[in-house]
Amino acid sequence: MQCVSRTDLKEFPLVSRGKVRDIYAVGPDSLLIVTTDRISAFDVIMDDPIPHKGVVLNQITLFWMEKFADMVRNHLLATDVRDFPAALKPHADLLEGRAVLVRKAKPLPIECIVRGYITGSGWKDYLKSGSVCGHKLPAGLRESEKLEKPLFTPSTKAELGNHDENIPVAEAMRLAGEDIAKQAQDLTIGIYSRARDYAAERGIIIADTKFEFGLVNENGKNKLILIDEVLTPDSSRFWPMSDYAPGRGQMSFDKQFLRDWLEKIKFNKQPPAPKIPQDIIDQTRAKYLDAYRLLTGKSLNV
């Protein structure tokens, strides 16, 4: 499989080019999502890709979407390049393993974040106020400590290059509509709880994650479906259970490893991105592949 940092499929209009995904309009109601090997950190896209990272992200998402199909519908129409429109056949090698054909949906205006452990921006908010997104937490929590129950801690959706902002649940209800936001909250916590228990059996702690939901119109009614990526090393914090200890930052199977390196070199979190050394690229790639192997019990042939 190729290393793909950018696509240019002239047969179809480019809808968006995000931090990682290139999205094309294939028809009036369908999109092609291509997960590239780009990597971002602190909302800055690095110049150096992580080879086959996009394949890992896509395949992990497909694994979880199948596992949760009984809980929530998703946007998948086709996952095998052989089932894609004929116009995409010349790009089969480029798209293999990293692209899906999906149903078009209207994304919710919020990021649906769930935290099972106090870390990251949630830890910073807790140190300042003792709360996270309006949830008052007990005094004396340690960094990386497990929370009594998972918390729904939504955020805004920032434009590319800007930072998402944590918001109270009440604000998420206002932005998305109370009924839809409540559905999203229940699904977010329900999916996370089930995934957390599954991952724990495989030696992985899922500390937190974010989900994307979208609306599709069916018979005049808006229906919520699961879209985008699901429980990947880009959208989640995966910690090895064998090394876990509260009171400090944790080792990880996700891009936190790259973030830690950037912090170490005192990256100012603004473009241009620094050159990533080959050993950091190789170690980051290995962590993504390890996450896939541990979660699915399979190895990717890349």
Protein backbone atom coordinates (compact mmCIF):
# COMPACT_ATOMS: atom_id res chain seq x y z
CA MET A 1 0.00 0.00 0.00
CA GLN A 2 1.14 3.51 -0.83
CA CYS A 3 1.99 6.30 1.58
CA VAL A 4 -0.58 8.99 0.78
CA SER A 5 -0.25 12.52 2.10
CA ARG A 6 -2.61 14.20 -0.37
CA THR A 7 -5.10 13.14 -3.03
CA ASP A 8 -6.21 14.82 -6.24
CA LEU A 9 -9.14 12.92 -7.75
CA LYS A 10 -10.15 15.12 -10.67
CA GLU A 11 -13.19 13.00 -11.53
CA PHE A 12 -15.14 14.32 -8.53
CA PRO A 13 -15.42 17.71 -6.79
CA LEU A 14 -13.34 18.14 -3.64
CA VAL A 15 -15.71 19.03 -0.80
CA SER A 16 -13.07 19.55 1.87
CA ARG A 17 -9.45 18.86 2.73
CA GLY A 18 -9.15 18.58 6.50
CA LYS A 19 -6.30 17.80 8.83
CA VAL A 20 -6.32 14.15 7.76
CA ARG A 21 -9.24 13.45 5.40
CA ASP A 22 -9.91 14.45 1.80
CA ILE A 23 -13.64 14.34 1.00
CA TYR A 24 -15.15 14.22 -2.49
CA ALA A 25 -18.74 14.51 -3.70
CA VAL A 26 -19.52 11.32 -5.62
CA GLY A 27 -23.24 11.93 -6.04
CA PRO A 28 -26.01 14.13 -4.66
CA ASP A 29 -26.30 11.98 -1.54
CA SER A 30 -22.91 10.28 -1.23
CA LEU A 31 -19.32 11.20 -0.41
CA LEU A 32 -15.94 9.54 -0.78
CA ILE A 33 -13.82 9.93 2.35
CA VAL A 34 -10.11 9.28 1.92
CA THR A 35 -8.07 9.00 5.12
CA THR A 36 -4.57 10.17 4.26
CA ASP A 37 -1.32 9.69 6.17
CA ARG A 38 -1.20 13.33 7.24
CA ILE A 39 -0.85 13.94 10.96
CA SER A 40 -1.70 17.04 12.94
CA ALA A 41 -0.80 18.09 16.46
CA PHE A 42 -2.00 21.17 18.33
CA ASP A 43 -4.17 21.88 15.25
CA VAL A 44 -1.09 22.20 13.02
CA ILE A 45 -0.71 19.80 10.10
CA MET A 46 2.79 18.37 10.02
CA ASP A 47 4.71 18.41 6.72
CA ASP A 48 5.85 14.81 7.21
CA PRO A 49 3.26 12.02 6.90
CA ILE A 50 3.19 8.85 9.00
CA PRO A 51 3.19 6.02 6.42
CA HIS A 52 -0.03 3.94 6.38
CA LYS A 53 -1.48 5.82 9.35
CA GLY A 54 -4.59 6.54 7.28
CA VAL A 55 -5.12 2.83 6.62
CA VAL A 56 -4.91 2.16 10.36
CA LEU A 57 -7.43 4.91 11.16
CA ASN A 58 -9.86 3.76 8.50
CA GLN A 59 -9.67 0.08 9.42
CA ILE A 60 -10.07 0.77 13.15
CA THR A 61 -13.13 2.90 12.38
CA LEU A 62 -14.65 0.09 10.28
CA PHE A 63 -13.95 -2.37 13.10
CA TRP A 64 -15.80 -0.24 15.65
CA MET A 65 -18.68 0.70 13.35
CA GLU A 66 -19.39 -2.97 12.76
CA LYS A 67 -19.16 -3.69 16.49
CA PHE A 68 -21.64 -0.91 17.35
CA ALA A 69 -24.05 -1.50 14.46
CA ASP A 70 -26.66 -2.78 16.91
CA MET A 71 -26.48 0.47 18.90
CA VAL A 72 -26.42 3.13 16.20
CA ARG A 73 -26.65 3.31 12.43
CA ASN A 74 -23.66 4.71 10.55
CA HIS A 75 -23.00 6.40 7.23
CA LEU A 76 -21.19 3.56 5.43
CA LEU A 77 -22.30 2.61 1.91
CA ALA A 78 -19.21 0.77 0.61
CA THR A 79 -15.87 -0.07 2.23
CA ASP A 80 -14.17 -2.12 -0.51
CA VAL A 81 -12.65 -0.32 -3.51
CA ARG A 82 -14.15 -3.01 -5.78
CA ASP A 83 -17.59 -1.70 -4.84
CA PHE A 84 -16.77 1.94 -5.58
CA PRO A 85 -18.04 3.76 -8.70
CA ALA A 86 -16.29 2.75 -11.94
CA ALA A 87 -14.78 6.23 -12.30
CA LEU A 88 -12.64 5.52 -9.23
CA LYS A 89 -11.16 2.30 -10.63
CA PRO A 90 -7.95 4.02 -11.89
CA HIS A 91 -7.30 5.11 -8.28
CA ALA A 92 -7.89 1.70 -6.67
CA ASP A 93 -4.29 1.31 -5.48
CA LEU A 94 -4.33 4.79 -3.95
CA LEU A 95 -7.67 4.24 -2.18
CA GLU A 96 -7.22 0.64 -1.04
CA GLY A 97 -7.76 0.25 2.69
CA ARG A 98 -8.07 3.98 3.35
CA ALA A 99 -11.29 5.09 1.62
CA VAL A 100 -15.02 4.61 2.18
CA LEU A 101 -18.13 5.60 0.29
CA VAL A 102 -20.64 7.11 2.71
CA ARG A 103 -24.10 8.56 2.91
CA LYS A 104 -24.13 12.34 3.06
CA ALA A 105 -25.30 13.72 6.42
CA LYS A 106 -25.50 17.09 8.11
CA PRO A 107 -22.87 17.04 10.90
CA LEU A 108 -23.90 18.27 14.33
CA PRO A 109 -22.34 21.64 15.25
CA ILE A 110 -20.64 20.09 18.31
CA GLU A 111 -17.86 17.61 19.03
CA CYS A 112 -19.24 14.80 21.20
CA ILE A 113 -16.43 14.16 23.68
CA VAL A 114 -16.53 11.66 26.52
CA ARG A 115 -13.96 11.41 29.30
CA GLY A 116 -13.42 8.39 31.48
CA TYR A 117 -10.20 9.74 32.99
CA ILE A 118 -9.09 13.25 33.92
CA THR A 119 -6.38 14.26 31.44
CA GLY A 120 -5.57 16.67 28.63
CA SER A 121 -7.65 19.85 28.43
CA GLY A 122 -10.05 18.37 30.99
CA TRP A 123 -7.22 18.18 33.51
CA LYS A 124 -6.26 21.79 32.78
CA ASP A 125 -9.87 22.93 33.26
CA TYR A 126 -10.13 20.96 36.49
CA LEU A 127 -6.97 22.58 37.90
CA LYS A 128 -8.42 26.03 37.16
CA SER A 129 -12.00 25.55 38.29
CA GLY A 130 -12.56 22.10 39.74
CA SER A 131 -15.01 21.48 36.87
CA VAL A 132 -15.02 20.20 33.30
CA CYS A 133 -17.70 21.51 30.92
CA GLY A 134 -19.98 22.35 33.82
CA HIS A 135 -19.45 19.04 35.62
CA LYS A 136 -18.27 19.76 39.18
CA LEU A 137 -15.70 17.13 40.14
CA PRO A 138 -14.44 15.98 43.58
CA ALA A 139 -11.48 17.81 45.06
CA GLY A 140 -8.09 16.14 45.12
CA LEU A 141 -8.21 14.22 41.83
CA ARG A 142 -4.83 13.29 40.39
CA GLU A 143 -3.82 13.65 36.77
CA SER A 144 -4.95 10.62 34.72
CA GLU A 145 -7.21 9.38 37.52
CA LYS A 146 -10.28 7.37 36.55
CA LEU A 147 -13.54 9.27 36.97
CA GLU A 148 -16.40 7.79 38.93
CA LYS A 149 -18.47 7.72 35.75
CA PRO A 150 -17.82 8.83 32.16
CA LEU A 151 -18.56 12.50 31.48
CA PHE A 152 -20.07 14.01 28.34
CA THR A 153 -17.89 17.07 27.75
CA PRO A 154 -18.78 18.61 24.38
CA SER A 155 -16.82 21.23 22.50
CA THR A 156 -17.32 23.65 19.66
CA LYS A 157 -16.19 22.77 16.15
CA ALA A 158 -13.44 25.15 15.11
CA GLU A 159 -12.45 25.96 11.56
CA LEU A 160 -9.25 24.34 10.28
CA GLY A 161 -6.26 25.81 12.10
CA ASN A 162 -8.26 27.04 15.08
CA HIS A 163 -8.84 25.34 18.42
CA ASP A 164 -12.03 23.69 19.62
CA GLU A 165 -13.39 25.14 22.86
CA ASN A 166 -14.89 23.09 25.69
CA ILE A 167 -18.49 24.13 26.37
CA PRO A 168 -21.10 23.30 29.03
CA VAL A 169 -23.64 20.63 28.17
CA ALA A 170 -26.37 23.30 28.24
CA GLU A 171 -24.60 25.18 25.44
CA ALA A 172 -24.35 21.97 23.38
CA MET A 173 -28.09 21.52 23.83
CA ARG A 174 -28.64 25.07 22.54
CA LEU A 175 -26.38 24.61 19.53
CA ALA A 176 -27.63 21.19 18.42
CA GLY A 177 -31.18 21.26 19.79
CA GLU A 178 -32.11 19.66 23.09
CA ASP A 179 -33.59 16.43 21.74
CA ILE A 180 -30.78 15.73 19.25
CA ALA A 181 -28.06 16.71 21.74
CA LYS A 182 -29.57 14.41 24.37
CA GLN A 183 -29.57 11.52 21.90
CA ALA A 184 -25.95 12.28 21.02
CA GLN A 185 -24.99 12.44 24.69
CA ASP A 186 -26.59 9.06 25.46
CA LEU A 187 -24.98 7.42 22.44
CA THR A 188 -21.59 8.97 23.22
CA ILE A 189 -21.54 7.60 26.75
CA GLY A 190 -23.08 4.27 25.75
CA ILE A 191 -20.64 3.56 22.92
CA TYR A 192 -17.66 4.70 24.98
CA SER A 193 -18.62 2.52 27.94
CA ARG A 194 -18.93 -0.56 25.76
CA ALA A 195 -15.68 0.16 23.92
CA ARG A 196 -13.84 0.86 27.18
CA ASP A 197 -14.83 -2.53 28.59
CA TYR A 198 -13.85 -4.30 25.36
CA ALA A 199 -10.47 -2.55 25.17
CA ALA A 200 -9.73 -3.28 28.84
CA GLU A 201 -9.89 -7.00 28.06
CA ARG A 202 -7.09 -6.37 25.56
CA GLY A 203 -4.86 -4.37 27.86
CA ILE A 204 -5.85 -0.90 26.62
CA ILE A 205 -7.35 1.95 28.62
CA ILE A 206 -9.47 4.31 26.50
CA ALA A 207 -9.07 7.47 28.54
CA ASP A 208 -11.28 9.65 26.36
CA THR A 209 -12.55 9.95 22.83
CA LYS A 210 -14.73 12.06 20.56
CA PHE A 211 -17.51 11.04 18.22
CA GLU A 212 -19.11 12.74 15.25
CA PHE A 213 -22.81 12.41 14.57
CA GLY A 214 -24.82 13.63 11.61
CA LEU A 215 -28.45 14.06 10.66
CA VAL A 216 -30.18 12.42 7.71
CA ASN A 217 -33.74 13.16 6.69
CA GLU A 218 -36.04 10.16 6.50
CA ASN A 219 -39.75 10.62 5.85
CA GLY A 220 -39.51 14.24 6.94
CA LYS A 221 -37.77 13.45 10.22
CA ASN A 222 -34.13 14.01 11.21
CA LYS A 223 -32.38 10.79 12.22
CA LEU A 224 -29.03 10.66 14.02
CA ILE A 225 -26.27 8.48 12.56
CA LEU A 226 -22.62 7.87 13.43
CA ILE A 227 -20.17 9.46 10.98
CA ASP A 228 -16.46 10.19 10.46
CA GLU A 229 -13.88 8.31 12.55
CA VAL A 230 -14.61 6.15 15.57
CA LEU A 231 -12.28 5.39 18.50
CA THR A 232 -9.06 5.80 16.57
CA PRO A 233 -5.62 6.82 17.87
CA ASP A 234 -6.32 10.29 16.41
CA SER A 235 -9.67 10.82 18.13
CA SER A 236 -8.89 9.02 21.41
CA ARG A 237 -6.31 8.56 24.12
CA PHE A 238 -5.22 4.91 24.31
CA TRP A 239 -3.04 3.98 27.28
CA PRO A 240 -1.34 0.61 27.93
CA MET A 241 -2.94 -0.80 31.06
CA SER A 242 0.35 -2.41 32.11
CA ASP A 243 1.99 1.01 32.58
CA TYR A 244 -0.95 2.93 34.00
CA ALA A 245 -0.46 4.90 37.20
CA PRO A 246 -2.46 8.00 38.20
CA GLY A 247 -0.63 11.15 39.21
CA ARG A 248 1.29 11.65 35.97
CA GLY A 249 1.00 11.62 32.19
CA GLN A 250 0.73 8.18 30.59
CA MET A 251 2.43 6.26 27.84
CA SER A 252 0.14 6.03 24.83
CA PHE A 253 -0.71 4.24 21.60
CA ASP A 254 -1.91 7.46 20.03
CA LYS A 255 -0.45 10.67 18.65
CA GLN A 256 0.25 11.92 22.16
CA PHE A 257 3.72 10.49 21.51
CA LEU A 258 4.20 13.06 18.74
CA ARG A 259 2.71 15.83 20.90
CA ASP A 260 5.19 14.96 23.67
CA TRP A 261 8.10 15.22 21.22
CA LEU A 262 6.83 18.60 20.01
CA GLU A 263 6.56 19.82 23.59
CA LYS A 264 10.10 18.59 24.24
CA ILE A 265 11.51 20.64 21.36
CA LYS A 266 9.38 23.61 22.53
CA PHE A 267 7.29 23.83 19.35
CA ASN A 268 5.28 27.06 19.53
CA LYS A 269 2.11 25.32 18.20
CA GLN A 270 1.95 27.61 15.17
CA PRO A 271 2.81 26.93 11.51
CA PRO A 272 5.25 26.20 10.05
CA ALA A 273 5.57 22.68 11.46
CA PRO A 274 9.01 21.38 12.37
CA LYS A 275 10.68 18.56 10.44
CA ILE A 276 9.89 15.24 12.16
CA PRO A 277 12.97 13.01 12.55
CA GLN A 278 12.74 9.56 10.98
CA ASP A 279 12.93 7.78 14.33
CA ILE A 280 9.90 9.76 15.62
CA ILE A 281 8.02 8.91 12.40
CA ASP A 282 8.89 5.22 12.79
CA GLN A 283 7.92 5.09 16.47
CA THR A 284 4.65 6.93 15.84
CA ARG A 285 3.80 4.53 13.00
CA ALA A 286 4.54 1.54 15.23
CA LYS A 287 2.18 2.86 17.92
CA TYR A 288 -0.68 3.16 15.43
CA LEU A 289 -0.08 -0.38 14.16
CA ASP A 290 0.12 -1.68 17.74
CA ALA A 291 -3.23 -0.09 18.55
CA TYR A 292 -4.85 -1.85 15.60
CA ARG A 293 -3.30 -5.22 16.46
CA LEU A 294 -4.26 -5.06 20.13
CA LEU A 295 -7.82 -3.93 19.47
CA THR A 296 -8.66 -6.27 16.61
CA GLY A 297 -6.35 -9.22 17.23
CA LYS A 298 -5.11 -8.87 13.64
CA SER A 299 -2.07 -7.35 11.94
CA LEU A 300 -2.26 -5.00 8.98
CA ASN A 301 -0.28 -6.07 5.91
CA VAL A 302 1.34 -2.70 5.23
